[in-house]
Amino acid sequence: MRRRLAAQIATHPLHREIIATVVTNEIANRARITFVHDMRARTGRSAPEVAQAYIIVREVFELRNLWTEIEALDNKAPAQVQIEMLLEIADLVERAAGWLL
């Protein structure tokens, strides 16, 4: 869909707001709900800078692939093990983003 409608997506009047919503939801779901607040308090950086650091960390560490692999373990590995792996990744995100900021 993104390839087929790339021109329309780029010129959509709510383009920026949609991206901001998607990134905000991902940060809350993947890096803990207080991530932006905590990073701002710790580093003094703005919310957009914190979001940029999150995206950089996500891409550098190829976290989308890792999350997919962990989620593929549903009903194959204990839920507690999956939760611990996801929390370890959230810790990595926090440390790496803090370093970047």
PDB file of N, CA and C in Angstrom:
ATOM      1  N   MET A   1       0.826  -1.184   0.000  1.00  0.00           N
ATOM      2  CA  MET A   1       0.000   0.000   0.000  1.00  0.00           C
ATOM      3  C   MET A   1       0.874   1.252   0.000  1.00  0.00           C
ATOM      4  N   ARG A   2       1.963   1.217   0.810  1.00  0.00           N
ATOM      5  CA  ARG A   2       2.846   2.390   0.861  1.00  0.00           C
ATOM      6  C   ARG A   2       3.490   2.655  -0.487  1.00  0.00           C
ATOM      7  N   ARG A   3       3.884   1.588  -1.191  1.00  0.00           N
ATOM      8  CA  ARG A   3       4.505   1.794  -2.511  1.00  0.00           C
ATOM      9  C   ARG A   3       3.484   2.311  -3.524  1.00  0.00           C
ATOM     10  N   ARG A   4       2.317   1.709  -3.520  1.00  0.00           N
ATOM     11  CA  ARG A   4       1.301   2.052  -4.507  1.00  0.00           C
ATOM     12  C   ARG A   4       0.760   3.466  -4.314  1.00  0.00           C
ATOM     13  N   LEU A   5       0.659   3.913  -3.072  1.00  0.00           N
ATOM     14  CA  LEU A   5       0.058   5.216  -2.776  1.00  0.00           C
ATOM     15  C   LEU A   5       1.073   6.225  -2.215  1.00  0.00           C
ATOM     16  N   ALA A   6       2.343   6.025  -2.504  1.00  0.00           N
ATOM     17  CA  ALA A   6       3.400   6.872  -1.924  1.00  0.00           C
ATOM     18  C   ALA A   6       3.158   8.358  -2.168  1.00  0.00           C
ATOM     19  N   ALA A   7       2.789   8.740  -3.373  1.00  0.00           N
ATOM     20  CA  ALA A   7       2.583  10.162  -3.679  1.00  0.00           C
ATOM     21  C   ALA A   7       1.417  10.744  -2.886  1.00  0.00           C
ATOM     22  N   GLN A   8       0.332   9.991  -2.779  1.00  0.00           N
ATOM     23  CA  GLN A   8      -0.834  10.478  -2.039  1.00  0.00           C
ATOM     24  C   GLN A   8      -0.543  10.558  -0.545  1.00  0.00           C
ATOM     25  N   ILE A   9       0.187   9.600  -0.039  1.00  0.00           N
ATOM     26  CA  ILE A   9       0.524   9.607   1.388  1.00  0.00           C
ATOM     27  C   ILE A   9       1.387  10.822   1.719  1.00  0.00           C
ATOM     28  N   ALA A  10       2.385  11.085   0.883  1.00  0.00           N
ATOM     29  CA  ALA A  10       3.305  12.194   1.136  1.00  0.00           C
ATOM     30  C   ALA A  10       2.612  13.554   1.111  1.00  0.00           C
ATOM     31  N   THR A  11       1.532  13.656   0.362  1.00  0.00           N
ATOM     32  CA  THR A  11       0.852  14.951   0.250  1.00  0.00           C
ATOM     33  C   THR A  11      -0.444  15.018   1.058  1.00  0.00           C
ATOM     34  N   HIS A  12      -0.735  13.985   1.825  1.00  0.00           N
ATOM     35  CA  HIS A  12      -1.951  13.967   2.629  1.00  0.00           C
ATOM     36  C   HIS A  12      -1.902  15.121   3.631  1.00  0.00           C
ATOM     37  N   PRO A  13      -3.005  15.837   3.812  1.00  0.00           N
ATOM     38  CA  PRO A  13      -2.993  16.992   4.723  1.00  0.00           C
ATOM     39  C   PRO A  13      -2.664  16.642   6.178  1.00  0.00           C
ATOM     40  N   LEU A  14      -2.894  15.405   6.580  1.00  0.00           N
ATOM     41  CA  LEU A  14      -2.596  14.999   7.958  1.00  0.00           C
ATOM     42  C   LEU A  14      -1.350  14.120   8.037  1.00  0.00           C
ATOM     43  N   HIS A  15      -0.527  14.190   7.029  1.00  0.00           N
ATOM     44  CA  HIS A  15       0.686  13.372   6.932  1.00  0.00           C
ATOM     45  C   HIS A  15       1.521  13.417   8.205  1.00  0.00           C
ATOM     46  N   ARG A  16       1.855  14.596   8.663  1.00  0.00           N
ATOM     47  CA  ARG A  16       2.691  14.751   9.866  1.00  0.00           C
ATOM     48  C   ARG A  16       2.000  14.216  11.120  1.00  0.00           C
ATOM     49  N   GLU A  17       0.712  14.496  11.250  1.00  0.00           N
ATOM     50  CA  GLU A  17      -0.030  14.052  12.424  1.00  0.00           C
ATOM     51  C   GLU A  17      -0.149  12.530  12.469  1.00  0.00           C
ATOM     52  N   ILE A  18      -0.331  11.908  11.313  1.00  0.00           N
ATOM     53  CA  ILE A  18      -0.419  10.448  11.254  1.00  0.00           C
ATOM     54  C   ILE A  18       0.905   9.832  11.665  1.00  0.00           C
ATOM     55  N   ILE A  19       2.005  10.350  11.140  1.00  0.00           N
ATOM     56  CA  ILE A  19       3.329   9.838  11.498  1.00  0.00           C
ATOM     57  C   ILE A  19       3.568  10.020  12.996  1.00  0.00           C
ATOM     58  N   ALA A  20       3.245  11.191  13.517  1.00  0.00           N
ATOM     59  CA  ALA A  20       3.447  11.449  14.951  1.00  0.00           C
ATOM     60  C   ALA A  20       2.635  10.478  15.801  1.00  0.00           C
ATOM     61  N   THR A  21       1.418  10.181  15.396  1.00  0.00           N
ATOM     62  CA  THR A  21       0.572   9.251  16.143  1.00  0.00           C
ATOM     63  C   THR A  21       1.143   7.841  16.116  1.00  0.00           C
ATOM     64  N   VAL A  22       1.579   7.404  14.947  1.00  0.00           N
ATOM     65  CA  VAL A  22       2.137   6.057  14.815  1.00  0.00           C
ATOM     66  C   VAL A  22       3.405   5.919  15.658  1.00  0.00           C
ATOM     67  N   VAL A  23       4.291   6.903  15.578  1.00  0.00           N
ATOM     68  CA  VAL A  23       5.540   6.848  16.348  1.00  0.00           C
ATOM     69  C   VAL A  23       5.248   6.897  17.848  1.00  0.00           C
ATOM     70  N   THR A  24       4.339   7.760  18.258  1.00  0.00           N
ATOM     71  CA  THR A  24       3.980   7.862  19.675  1.00  0.00           C
ATOM     72  C   THR A  24       3.434   6.537  20.199  1.00  0.00           C
ATOM     73  N   ASN A  25       2.551   5.923  19.443  1.00  0.00           N
ATOM     74  CA  ASN A  25       1.988   4.637  19.861  1.00  0.00           C
ATOM     75  C   ASN A  25       3.069   3.570  19.953  1.00  0.00           C
ATOM     76  N   GLU A  26       3.963   3.546  18.990  1.00  0.00           N
ATOM     77  CA  GLU A  26       5.035   2.547  19.016  1.00  0.00           C
ATOM     78  C   GLU A  26       5.951   2.752  20.215  1.00  0.00           C
ATOM     79  N   ILE A  27       6.304   3.993  20.500  1.00  0.00           N
ATOM     80  CA  ILE A  27       7.165   4.269  21.652  1.00  0.00           C
ATOM     81  C   ILE A  27       6.484   3.792  22.940  1.00  0.00           C
ATOM     82  N   ALA A  28       5.220   4.123  23.103  1.00  0.00           N
ATOM     83  CA  ALA A  28       4.503   3.712  24.315  1.00  0.00           C
ATOM     84  C   ALA A  28       4.414   2.192  24.421  1.00  0.00           C
ATOM     85  N   ASN A  29       4.213   1.517  23.303  1.00  0.00           N
ATOM     86  CA  ASN A  29       4.058   0.062  23.314  1.00  0.00           C
ATOM     87  C   ASN A  29       5.381  -0.678  23.427  1.00  0.00           C
ATOM     88  N   ARG A  30       6.439  -0.138  22.866  1.00  0.00           N
ATOM     89  CA  ARG A  30       7.708  -0.868  22.791  1.00  0.00           C
ATOM     90  C   ARG A  30       8.755  -0.412  23.803  1.00  0.00           C
ATOM     91  N   ALA A  31       8.739   0.863  24.166  1.00  0.00           N
ATOM     92  CA  ALA A  31       9.803   1.395  25.024  1.00  0.00           C
ATOM     93  C   ALA A  31       9.283   1.819  26.395  1.00  0.00           C
ATOM     94  N   ARG A  32       8.095   1.438  26.707  1.00  0.00           N
ATOM     95  CA  ARG A  32       7.420   1.773  27.968  1.00  0.00           C
ATOM     96  C   ARG A  32       6.724   3.132  27.847  1.00  0.00           C
ATOM     97  N   ILE A  33       5.647   3.256  28.543  1.00  0.00           N
ATOM     98  CA  ILE A  33       4.789   4.428  28.396  1.00  0.00           C
ATOM     99  C   ILE A  33       5.448   5.712  28.915  1.00  0.00           C
ATOM    100  N   THR A  34       6.376   5.608  29.848  1.00  0.00           N
ATOM    101  CA  THR A  34       7.017   6.807  30.409  1.00  0.00           C
ATOM    102  C   THR A  34       8.344   7.143  29.726  1.00  0.00           C
ATOM    103  N   PHE A  35       8.661   6.461  28.642  1.00  0.00           N
ATOM    104  CA  PHE A  35       9.951   6.627  27.981  1.00  0.00           C
ATOM    105  C   PHE A  35      10.252   8.087  27.637  1.00  0.00           C
ATOM    106  N   VAL A  36       9.346   8.748  26.954  1.00  0.00           N
ATOM    107  CA  VAL A  36       9.605  10.136  26.523  1.00  0.00           C
ATOM    108  C   VAL A  36       9.762  11.036  27.745  1.00  0.00           C
ATOM    109  N   HIS A  37       8.873  10.916  28.695  1.00  0.00           N
ATOM    110  CA  HIS A  37       8.961  11.741  29.911  1.00  0.00           C
ATOM    111  C   HIS A  37      10.292  11.504  30.631  1.00  0.00           C
ATOM    112  N   ASP A  38      10.653  10.241  30.809  1.00  0.00           N
ATOM    113  CA  ASP A  38      11.895   9.915  31.514  1.00  0.00           C
ATOM    114  C   ASP A  38      13.121  10.429  30.767  1.00  0.00           C
ATOM    115  N   MET A  39      13.136  10.266  29.450  1.00  0.00           N
ATOM    116  CA  MET A  39      14.280  10.732  28.653  1.00  0.00           C
ATOM    117  C   MET A  39      14.388  12.258  28.687  1.00  0.00           C
ATOM    118  N   ARG A  40      13.256  12.934  28.641  1.00  0.00           N
ATOM    119  CA  ARG A  40      13.276  14.398  28.713  1.00  0.00           C
ATOM    120  C   ARG A  40      13.826  14.854  30.057  1.00  0.00           C
ATOM    121  N   ALA A  41      13.399  14.202  31.127  1.00  0.00           N
ATOM    122  CA  ALA A  41      13.861  14.572  32.467  1.00  0.00           C
ATOM    123  C   ALA A  41      15.355  14.273  32.615  1.00  0.00           C
ATOM    124  N   ARG A  42      15.800  13.173  32.070  1.00  0.00           N
ATOM    125  CA  ARG A  42      17.195  12.763  32.220  1.00  0.00           C
ATOM    126  C   ARG A  42      18.152  13.549  31.335  1.00  0.00           C
ATOM    127  N   THR A  43      17.697  13.917  30.128  1.00  0.00           N
ATOM    128  CA  THR A  43      18.613  14.530  29.165  1.00  0.00           C
ATOM    129  C   THR A  43      18.339  16.005  28.897  1.00  0.00           C
ATOM    130  N   GLY A  44      17.141  16.476  29.244  1.00  0.00           N
ATOM    131  CA  GLY A  44      16.785  17.856  28.942  1.00  0.00           C
ATOM    132  C   GLY A  44      16.426  18.074  27.489  1.00  0.00           C
ATOM    133  N   ARG A  45      16.302  17.023  26.722  1.00  0.00           N
ATOM    134  CA  ARG A  45      15.968  17.135  25.301  1.00  0.00           C
ATOM    135  C   ARG A  45      14.465  17.191  25.097  1.00  0.00           C
ATOM    136  N   SER A  46      14.054  17.659  23.923  1.00  0.00           N
ATOM    137  CA  SER A  46      12.630  17.791  23.609  1.00  0.00           C
ATOM    138  C   SER A  46      12.024  16.442  23.235  1.00  0.00           C
ATOM    139  N   ALA A  47      10.700  16.380  23.259  1.00  0.00           N
ATOM    140  CA  ALA A  47       9.997  15.151  22.880  1.00  0.00           C
ATOM    141  C   ALA A  47      10.317  14.728  21.443  1.00  0.00           C
ATOM    142  N   PRO A  48      10.355  15.655  20.475  1.00  0.00           N
ATOM    143  CA  PRO A  48      10.732  15.227  19.121  1.00  0.00           C
ATOM    144  C   PRO A  48      12.157  14.670  19.046  1.00  0.00           C
ATOM    145  N   GLU A  49      13.068  15.225  19.813  1.00  0.00           N
ATOM    146  CA  GLU A  49      14.436  14.695  19.823  1.00  0.00           C
ATOM    147  C   GLU A  49      14.473  13.289  20.425  1.00  0.00           C
ATOM    148  N   VAL A  50      13.683  13.079  21.464  1.00  0.00           N
ATOM    149  CA  VAL A  50      13.604  11.753  22.082  1.00  0.00           C
ATOM    150  C   VAL A  50      13.018  10.757  21.079  1.00  0.00           C
ATOM    151  N   ALA A  51      11.981  11.150  20.366  1.00  0.00           N
ATOM    152  CA  ALA A  51      11.375  10.272  19.359  1.00  0.00           C
ATOM    153  C   ALA A  51      12.375   9.942  18.257  1.00  0.00           C
ATOM    154  N   GLN A  52      13.159  10.921  17.831  1.00  0.00           N
ATOM    155  CA  GLN A  52      14.184  10.669  16.815  1.00  0.00           C
ATOM    156  C   GLN A  52      15.228   9.685  17.325  1.00  0.00           C
ATOM    157  N   ALA A  53      15.633   9.824  18.564  1.00  0.00           N
ATOM    158  CA  ALA A  53      16.603   8.900  19.148  1.00  0.00           C
ATOM    159  C   ALA A  53      16.017   7.493  19.189  1.00  0.00           C
ATOM    160  N   TYR A  54      14.750   7.375  19.552  1.00  0.00           N
ATOM    161  CA  TYR A  54      14.086   6.070  19.572  1.00  0.00           C
ATOM    162  C   TYR A  54      14.134   5.429  18.184  1.00  0.00           C
ATOM    163  N   ILE A  55      13.779   6.193  17.161  1.00  0.00           N
ATOM    164  CA  ILE A  55      13.747   5.653  15.798  1.00  0.00           C
ATOM    165  C   ILE A  55      15.144   5.228  15.356  1.00  0.00           C
ATOM    166  N   ILE A  56      16.152   6.018  15.688  1.00  0.00           N
ATOM    167  CA  ILE A  56      17.528   5.654  15.336  1.00  0.00           C
ATOM    168  C   ILE A  56      17.909   4.339  15.999  1.00  0.00           C
ATOM    169  N   VAL A  57      17.623   4.206  17.276  1.00  0.00           N
ATOM    170  CA  VAL A  57      17.951   2.975  18.009  1.00  0.00           C
ATOM    171  C   VAL A  57      17.198   1.797  17.397  1.00  0.00           C
ATOM    172  N   ARG A  58      15.925   1.981  17.107  1.00  0.00           N
ATOM    173  CA  ARG A  58      15.122   0.916  16.507  1.00  0.00           C
ATOM    174  C   ARG A  58      15.740   0.424  15.201  1.00  0.00           C
ATOM    175  N   GLU A  59      16.190   1.354  14.382  1.00  0.00           N
ATOM    176  CA  GLU A  59      16.754   0.985  13.081  1.00  0.00           C
ATOM    177  C   GLU A  59      18.159   0.401  13.205  1.00  0.00           C
ATOM    178  N   VAL A  60      19.010   1.005  14.022  1.00  0.00           N
ATOM    179  CA  VAL A  60      20.392   0.533  14.169  1.00  0.00           C
ATOM    180  C   VAL A  60      20.432  -0.895  14.692  1.00  0.00           C
ATOM    181  N   PHE A  61      19.586  -1.195  15.663  1.00  0.00           N
ATOM    182  CA  PHE A  61      19.574  -2.529  16.264  1.00  0.00           C
ATOM    183  C   PHE A  61      18.589  -3.487  15.579  1.00  0.00           C
ATOM    184  N   GLU A  62      17.960  -3.023  14.500  1.00  0.00           N
ATOM    185  CA  GLU A  62      17.009  -3.847  13.743  1.00  0.00           C
ATOM    186  C   GLU A  62      15.971  -4.485  14.666  1.00  0.00           C
ATOM    187  N   LEU A  63      15.378  -3.656  15.511  1.00  0.00           N
ATOM    188  CA  LEU A  63      14.469  -4.152  16.537  1.00  0.00           C
ATOM    189  C   LEU A  63      13.155  -4.680  15.980  1.00  0.00           C
ATOM    190  N   ARG A  64      12.714  -4.168  14.838  1.00  0.00           N
ATOM    191  CA  ARG A  64      11.464  -4.691  14.268  1.00  0.00           C
ATOM    192  C   ARG A  64      11.588  -6.185  14.007  1.00  0.00           C
ATOM    193  N   ASN A  65      12.716  -6.601  13.444  1.00  0.00           N
ATOM    194  CA  ASN A  65      12.938  -8.032  13.190  1.00  0.00           C
ATOM    195  C   ASN A  65      12.974  -8.811  14.501  1.00  0.00           C
ATOM    196  N   LEU A  66      13.651  -8.259  15.483  1.00  0.00           N
ATOM    197  CA  LEU A  66      13.765  -8.941  16.772  1.00  0.00           C
ATOM    198  C   LEU A  66      12.406  -9.087  17.441  1.00  0.00           C
ATOM    199  N   TRP A  67      11.601  -8.025  17.425  1.00  0.00           N
ATOM    200  CA  TRP A  67      10.261  -8.096  18.001  1.00  0.00           C
ATOM    201  C   TRP A  67       9.413  -9.156  17.284  1.00  0.00           C
ATOM    202  N   THR A  68       9.531  -9.201  15.968  1.00  0.00           N
ATOM    203  CA  THR A  68       8.786 -10.193  15.191  1.00  0.00           C
ATOM    204  C   THR A  68       9.186 -11.610  15.587  1.00  0.00           C
ATOM    205  N   GLU A  69      10.487 -11.822  15.748  1.00  0.00           N
ATOM    206  CA  GLU A  69      10.972 -13.151  16.139  1.00  0.00           C
ATOM    207  C   GLU A  69      10.479 -13.536  17.536  1.00  0.00           C
ATOM    208  N   ILE A  70      10.489 -12.586  18.441  1.00  0.00           N
ATOM    209  CA  ILE A  70      10.015 -12.868  19.806  1.00  0.00           C
ATOM    210  C   ILE A  70       8.518 -13.166  19.793  1.00  0.00           C
ATOM    211  N   GLU A  71       7.765 -12.388  19.048  1.00  0.00           N
ATOM    212  CA  GLU A  71       6.319 -12.609  18.985  1.00  0.00           C
ATOM    213  C   GLU A  71       5.977 -13.926  18.289  1.00  0.00           C
ATOM    214  N   ALA A  72       6.854 -14.412  17.426  1.00  0.00           N
ATOM    215  CA  ALA A  72       6.639 -15.706  16.764  1.00  0.00           C
ATOM    216  C   ALA A  72       6.788 -16.869  17.742  1.00  0.00           C
ATOM    217  N   LEU A  73       7.305 -16.605  18.916  1.00  0.00           N
ATOM    218  CA  LEU A  73       7.474 -17.642  19.935  1.00  0.00           C
ATOM    219  C   LEU A  73       6.201 -17.894  20.742  1.00  0.00           C
ATOM    220  N   ASP A  74       5.122 -17.180  20.414  1.00  0.00           N
ATOM    221  CA  ASP A  74       3.850 -17.404  21.118  1.00  0.00           C
ATOM    222  C   ASP A  74       3.502 -18.886  21.072  1.00  0.00           C
ATOM    223  N   ASN A  75       3.147 -19.444  22.215  1.00  0.00           N
ATOM    224  CA  ASN A  75       2.785 -20.849  22.375  1.00  0.00           C
ATOM    225  C   ASN A  75       3.936 -21.819  22.094  1.00  0.00           C
ATOM    226  N   LYS A  76       5.156 -21.292  21.961  1.00  0.00           N
ATOM    227  CA  LYS A  76       6.341 -22.131  21.774  1.00  0.00           C
ATOM    228  C   LYS A  76       7.312 -21.959  22.935  1.00  0.00           C
ATOM    229  N   ALA A  77       7.323 -20.774  23.488  1.00  0.00           N
ATOM    230  CA  ALA A  77       8.180 -20.458  24.641  1.00  0.00           C
ATOM    231  C   ALA A  77       7.274 -19.909  25.735  1.00  0.00           C
ATOM    232  N   PRO A  78       7.686 -20.059  26.983  1.00  0.00           N
ATOM    233  CA  PRO A  78       6.864 -19.508  28.070  1.00  0.00           C
ATOM    234  C   PRO A  78       6.677 -17.991  27.913  1.00  0.00           C
ATOM    235  N   ALA A  79       5.477 -17.537  28.211  1.00  0.00           N
ATOM    236  CA  ALA A  79       5.166 -16.106  28.100  1.00  0.00           C
ATOM    237  C   ALA A  79       6.129 -15.270  28.925  1.00  0.00           C
ATOM    238  N   GLN A  80       6.504 -15.760  30.107  1.00  0.00           N
ATOM    239  CA  GLN A  80       7.413 -15.012  30.973  1.00  0.00           C
ATOM    240  C   GLN A  80       8.762 -14.792  30.297  1.00  0.00           C
ATOM    241  N   VAL A  81       9.228 -15.764  29.546  1.00  0.00           N
ATOM    242  CA  VAL A  81      10.498 -15.625  28.826  1.00  0.00           C
ATOM    243  C   VAL A  81      10.365 -14.546  27.748  1.00  0.00           C
ATOM    244  N   GLN A  82       9.260 -14.562  27.030  1.00  0.00           N
ATOM    245  CA  GLN A  82       9.027 -13.538  26.012  1.00  0.00           C
ATOM    246  C   GLN A  82       8.965 -12.147  26.648  1.00  0.00           C
ATOM    247  N   ILE A  83       8.269 -12.038  27.759  1.00  0.00           N
ATOM    248  CA  ILE A  83       8.160 -10.757  28.455  1.00  0.00           C
ATOM    249  C   ILE A  83       9.540 -10.266  28.876  1.00  0.00           C
ATOM    250  N   GLU A  84      10.344 -11.152  29.414  1.00  0.00           N
ATOM    251  CA  GLU A  84      11.696 -10.772  29.840  1.00  0.00           C
ATOM    252  C   GLU A  84      12.536 -10.304  28.653  1.00  0.00           C
ATOM    253  N   MET A  85      12.404 -10.970  27.513  1.00  0.00           N
ATOM    254  CA  MET A  85      13.147 -10.545  26.324  1.00  0.00           C
ATOM    255  C   MET A  85      12.707  -9.149  25.878  1.00  0.00           C
ATOM    256  N   LEU A  86      11.393  -8.920  25.880  1.00  0.00           N
ATOM    257  CA  LEU A  86      10.889  -7.608  25.472  1.00  0.00           C
ATOM    258  C   LEU A  86      11.324  -6.511  26.442  1.00  0.00           C
ATOM    259  N   LEU A  87      11.358  -6.831  27.728  1.00  0.00           N
ATOM    260  CA  LEU A  87      11.819  -5.850  28.714  1.00  0.00           C
ATOM    261  C   LEU A  87      13.312  -5.563  28.556  1.00  0.00           C
ATOM    262  N   GLU A  88      14.090  -6.575  28.211  1.00  0.00           N
ATOM    263  CA  GLU A  88      15.528  -6.370  27.956  1.00  0.00           C
ATOM    264  C   GLU A  88      15.720  -5.432  26.767  1.00  0.00           C
ATOM    265  N   ILE A  89      14.902  -5.600  25.748  1.00  0.00           N
ATOM    266  CA  ILE A  89      14.987  -4.714  24.584  1.00  0.00           C
ATOM    267  C   ILE A  89      14.609  -3.291  24.980  1.00  0.00           C
ATOM    268  N   ALA A  90      13.570  -3.146  25.796  1.00  0.00           N
ATOM    269  CA  ALA A  90      13.175  -1.807  26.261  1.00  0.00           C
ATOM    270  C   ALA A  90      14.312  -1.161  27.039  1.00  0.00           C
ATOM    271  N   ASP A  91      15.027  -1.940  27.841  1.00  0.00           N
ATOM    272  CA  ASP A  91      16.193  -1.412  28.565  1.00  0.00           C
ATOM    273  C   ASP A  91      17.285  -0.967  27.586  1.00  0.00           C
ATOM    274  N   LEU A  92      17.509  -1.775  26.564  1.00  0.00           N
ATOM    275  CA  LEU A  92      18.497  -1.413  25.535  1.00  0.00           C
ATOM    276  C   LEU A  92      18.115  -0.109  24.859  1.00  0.00           C
ATOM    277  N   VAL A  93      16.847   0.022  24.502  1.00  0.00           N
ATOM    278  CA  VAL A  93      16.366   1.245  23.862  1.00  0.00           C
ATOM    279  C   VAL A  93      16.636   2.442  24.762  1.00  0.00           C
ATOM    280  N   GLU A  94      16.330   2.305  26.034  1.00  0.00           N
ATOM    281  CA  GLU A  94      16.521   3.417  26.963  1.00  0.00           C
ATOM    282  C   GLU A  94      17.999   3.798  27.082  1.00  0.00           C
ATOM    283  N   ARG A  95      18.860   2.801  27.231  1.00  0.00           N
ATOM    284  CA  ARG A  95      20.294   3.097  27.365  1.00  0.00           C
ATOM    285  C   ARG A  95      20.869   3.710  26.087  1.00  0.00           C
ATOM    286  N   ALA A  96      20.545   3.126  24.942  1.00  0.00           N
ATOM    287  CA  ALA A  96      21.091   3.614  23.673  1.00  0.00           C
ATOM    288  C   ALA A  96      20.544   4.995  23.325  1.00  0.00           C
ATOM    289  N   ALA A  97      19.249   5.203  23.538  1.00  0.00           N
ATOM    290  CA  ALA A  97      18.661   6.525  23.249  1.00  0.00           C
ATOM    291  C   ALA A  97      19.236   7.573  24.178  1.00  0.00           C
ATOM    292  N   GLY A  98      19.409   7.221  25.442  1.00  0.00           N
ATOM    293  CA  GLY A  98      20.031   8.148  26.389  1.00  0.00           C
ATOM    294  C   GLY A  98      21.433   8.532  25.969  1.00  0.00           C
ATOM    295  N   TRP A  99      22.176   7.559  25.482  1.00  0.00           N
ATOM    296  CA  TRP A  99      23.536   7.841  25.004  1.00  0.00           C
ATOM    297  C   TRP A  99      23.495   8.764  23.796  1.00  0.00           C
ATOM    298  N   LEU A 100      22.591   8.505  22.864  1.00  0.00           N
ATOM    299  CA  LEU A 100      22.470   9.364  21.675  1.00  0.00           C
ATOM    300  C   LEU A 100      22.087  10.792  22.061  1.00  0.00           C
ATOM    301  N   LEU A 101      21.173  10.905  22.999  1.00  0.00           N
ATOM    302  CA  LEU A 101      20.699  12.241  23.376  1.00  0.00           C
ATOM    303  C   LEU A 101      21.749  12.983  24.181  1.00  0.00           C
TER     304      LEU A 101
END
